[in-house]
Amino acid sequence: MLRILPLMIALCSPAYGDGFKHVEKSANAPPLPKIEYYCTDATGARRELGEVICINASCLTWMAKCGMSLNNAVWRKLQDGCPTADLRTRIRALMPTNTATEKTNG
């Protein structure tokens, strides 16, 4: 059986080799589309590579930078905490704004 295998491979390979032909590059071929890499923040907004944001998750905050890892855009942790993430700022971000009281007071 092992003696027949090389013979079968030698006889079958020319038949399969005719189906694959080398394709010449055409001068009129359109260029490939550019792949745009970007990260998204918690609201789904687009953030470009190199942008630094403050991430809040389950009572923790940290600074992160949008970067590349194996052809994927990822957030890389830079440091614990954020310079502007004090308690007042976080509470104001969570509180809904009341536009009705602003109109009557103004």
C-alpha atoms as a PDB file:
ATOM      1  CA  MET A   1       0.000   0.000   0.000  1.00  0.00           C
ATOM      2  CA  LEU A   2       2.770   2.425   0.865  1.00  0.00           C
ATOM      3  CA  ARG A   3       4.465   1.696  -2.477  1.00  0.00           C
ATOM      4  CA  ILE A   4       1.329   2.592  -4.430  1.00  0.00           C
ATOM      5  CA  LEU A   5       0.735   5.926  -2.647  1.00  0.00           C
ATOM      6  CA  PRO A   6       3.644   7.847  -4.286  1.00  0.00           C
ATOM      7  CA  LEU A   7       2.611   6.485  -7.673  1.00  0.00           C
ATOM      8  CA  MET A   8      -0.978   7.662  -7.195  1.00  0.00           C
ATOM      9  CA  ILE A   9       0.179  11.108  -6.081  1.00  0.00           C
ATOM     10  CA  ALA A  10       2.468  11.403  -9.115  1.00  0.00           C
ATOM     11  CA  LEU A  11      -0.318  10.443 -11.524  1.00  0.00           C
ATOM     12  CA  CYS A  12      -3.036  12.614  -9.984  1.00  0.00           C
ATOM     13  CA  SER A  13      -1.101  15.837  -9.403  1.00  0.00           C
ATOM     14  CA  PRO A  14      -0.898  16.992 -13.081  1.00  0.00           C
ATOM     15  CA  ALA A  15      -4.667  16.731 -13.434  1.00  0.00           C
ATOM     16  CA  TYR A  16      -5.260  19.001 -10.440  1.00  0.00           C
ATOM     17  CA  GLY A  17      -2.452  21.389 -11.344  1.00  0.00           C
ATOM     18  CA  ASP A  18      -4.112  22.522 -14.602  1.00  0.00           C
ATOM     19  CA  GLY A  19      -7.048  24.110 -12.775  1.00  0.00           C
ATOM     20  CA  PHE A  20      -4.858  26.664 -10.974  1.00  0.00           C
ATOM     21  CA  LYS A  21      -3.463  29.350 -13.213  1.00  0.00           C
ATOM     22  CA  HIS A  22      -1.377  32.329 -12.260  1.00  0.00           C
ATOM     23  CA  VAL A  23      -3.344  35.546 -12.486  1.00  0.00           C
ATOM     24  CA  GLU A  24      -1.423  38.577 -13.692  1.00  0.00           C
ATOM     25  CA  LYS A  25      -1.874  41.856 -11.843  1.00  0.00           C
ATOM     26  CA  SER A  26      -3.911  44.303 -13.830  1.00  0.00           C
ATOM     27  CA  ALA A  27      -2.890  47.943 -14.079  1.00  0.00           C
ATOM     28  CA  ASN A  28      -6.583  48.875 -14.098  1.00  0.00           C
ATOM     29  CA  ALA A  29      -7.400  47.129 -10.809  1.00  0.00           C
ATOM     30  CA  PRO A  30      -8.856  49.466  -8.171  1.00  0.00           C
ATOM     31  CA  PRO A  31      -6.824  49.965  -4.993  1.00  0.00           C
ATOM     32  CA  LEU A  32      -7.832  48.020  -1.914  1.00  0.00           C
ATOM     33  CA  PRO A  33      -9.987  49.938   0.563  1.00  0.00           C
ATOM     34  CA  LYS A  34      -8.168  51.377   3.560  1.00  0.00           C
ATOM     35  CA  ILE A  35      -9.016  49.695   6.856  1.00  0.00           C
ATOM     36  CA  GLU A  36      -9.865  52.242   9.521  1.00  0.00           C
ATOM     37  CA  TYR A  37      -8.949  51.229  13.048  1.00  0.00           C
ATOM     38  CA  TYR A  38     -10.584  52.978  16.004  1.00  0.00           C
ATOM     39  CA  CYS A  39     -11.830  52.303  19.519  1.00  0.00           C
ATOM     40  CA  THR A  40     -15.279  52.946  20.958  1.00  0.00           C
ATOM     41  CA  ASP A  41     -16.091  54.406  24.353  1.00  0.00           C
ATOM     42  CA  ALA A  42     -18.913  53.462  26.744  1.00  0.00           C
ATOM     43  CA  THR A  43     -21.499  55.409  24.730  1.00  0.00           C
ATOM     44  CA  GLY A  44     -20.409  53.853  21.433  1.00  0.00           C
ATOM     45  CA  ALA A  45     -18.731  57.022  20.181  1.00  0.00           C
ATOM     46  CA  ARG A  46     -15.720  56.626  17.908  1.00  0.00           C
ATOM     47  CA  ARG A  47     -12.295  57.335  19.426  1.00  0.00           C
ATOM     48  CA  GLU A  48      -9.221  57.560  17.226  1.00  0.00           C
ATOM     49  CA  LEU A  49      -5.945  55.707  17.831  1.00  0.00           C
ATOM     50  CA  GLY A  50      -3.814  57.493  20.411  1.00  0.00           C
ATOM     51  CA  GLU A  51      -6.726  59.120  22.262  1.00  0.00           C
ATOM     52  CA  VAL A  52      -6.620  58.944  26.053  1.00  0.00           C
ATOM     53  CA  ILE A  53      -9.839  58.740  28.068  1.00  0.00           C
ATOM     54  CA  CYS A  54     -10.922  58.059  31.636  1.00  0.00           C
ATOM     55  CA  ILE A  55     -12.781  54.745  32.004  1.00  0.00           C
ATOM     56  CA  ASN A  56     -15.298  54.243  34.836  1.00  0.00           C
ATOM     57  CA  ALA A  57     -16.314  50.660  35.570  1.00  0.00           C
ATOM     58  CA  SER A  58     -17.839  49.282  38.774  1.00  0.00           C
ATOM     59  CA  CYS A  59     -16.591  52.069  41.066  1.00  0.00           C
ATOM     60  CA  LEU A  60     -13.077  51.955  39.578  1.00  0.00           C
ATOM     61  CA  THR A  61     -11.506  54.561  37.335  1.00  0.00           C
ATOM     62  CA  TRP A  62      -8.391  54.414  35.203  1.00  0.00           C
ATOM     63  CA  MET A  63      -6.760  56.208  32.297  1.00  0.00           C
ATOM     64  CA  ALA A  64      -6.637  54.244  29.034  1.00  0.00           C
ATOM     65  CA  LYS A  65      -5.184  54.883  25.591  1.00  0.00           C
ATOM     66  CA  CYS A  66      -6.567  53.551  22.305  1.00  0.00           C
ATOM     67  CA  GLY A  67      -3.912  51.443  20.603  1.00  0.00           C
ATOM     68  CA  MET A  68      -3.327  48.425  18.378  1.00  0.00           C
ATOM     69  CA  SER A  69      -2.737  44.798  19.361  1.00  0.00           C
ATOM     70  CA  LEU A  70      -2.517  42.100  16.670  1.00  0.00           C
ATOM     71  CA  ASN A  71      -4.554  44.081  14.115  1.00  0.00           C
ATOM     72  CA  ASN A  72      -7.243  44.961  16.674  1.00  0.00           C
ATOM     73  CA  ALA A  73      -7.949  48.277  18.339  1.00  0.00           C
ATOM     74  CA  VAL A  74      -7.811  47.928  22.141  1.00  0.00           C
ATOM     75  CA  TRP A  75      -7.838  50.124  25.243  1.00  0.00           C
ATOM     76  CA  ARG A  76      -4.541  49.900  27.141  1.00  0.00           C
ATOM     77  CA  LYS A  77      -4.450  50.894  30.807  1.00  0.00           C
ATOM     78  CA  LEU A  78      -2.039  53.764  31.492  1.00  0.00           C
ATOM     79  CA  GLN A  79      -2.582  54.417  35.192  1.00  0.00           C
ATOM     80  CA  ASP A  80      -5.017  53.910  38.057  1.00  0.00           C
ATOM     81  CA  GLY A  81      -7.352  56.835  38.670  1.00  0.00           C
ATOM     82  CA  CYS A  82      -8.016  59.882  36.548  1.00  0.00           C
ATOM     83  CA  PRO A  83      -6.900  63.464  37.188  1.00  0.00           C
ATOM     84  CA  THR A  84     -10.447  64.860  36.835  1.00  0.00           C
ATOM     85  CA  ALA A  85     -12.437  61.944  38.184  1.00  0.00           C
ATOM     86  CA  ASP A  86     -13.233  63.302  41.626  1.00  0.00           C
ATOM     87  CA  LEU A  87     -16.482  62.428  43.393  1.00  0.00           C
ATOM     88  CA  ARG A  88     -18.305  65.666  42.484  1.00  0.00           C
ATOM     89  CA  THR A  89     -17.588  65.274  38.787  1.00  0.00           C
ATOM     90  CA  ARG A  90     -18.806  61.684  38.791  1.00  0.00           C
ATOM     91  CA  ILE A  91     -22.019  62.598  40.657  1.00  0.00           C
ATOM     92  CA  ARG A  92     -22.754  65.485  38.258  1.00  0.00           C
ATOM     93  CA  ALA A  93     -22.262  63.137  35.292  1.00  0.00           C
ATOM     94  CA  LEU A  94     -24.835  60.735  36.722  1.00  0.00           C
ATOM     95  CA  MET A  95     -27.442  63.384  37.654  1.00  0.00           C
ATOM     96  CA  PRO A  96     -30.026  64.151  34.944  1.00  0.00           C
ATOM     97  CA  THR A  97     -30.270  67.790  33.940  1.00  0.00           C
ATOM     98  CA  ASN A  98     -33.656  69.403  34.514  1.00  0.00           C
ATOM     99  CA  THR A  99     -34.282  71.818  31.648  1.00  0.00           C
ATOM    100  CA  ALA A 100     -37.726  72.895  32.982  1.00  0.00           C
ATOM    101  CA  THR A 101     -36.253  74.525  36.121  1.00  0.00           C
ATOM    102  CA  GLU A 102     -33.501  76.179  34.081  1.00  0.00           C
ATOM    103  CA  LYS A 103     -36.080  77.840  31.801  1.00  0.00           C
ATOM    104  CA  THR A 104     -38.197  79.204  34.655  1.00  0.00           C
ATOM    105  CA  ASN A 105     -35.187  80.497  36.592  1.00  0.00           C
ATOM    106  CA  GLY A 106     -33.503  82.095  33.604  1.00  0.00           C
END
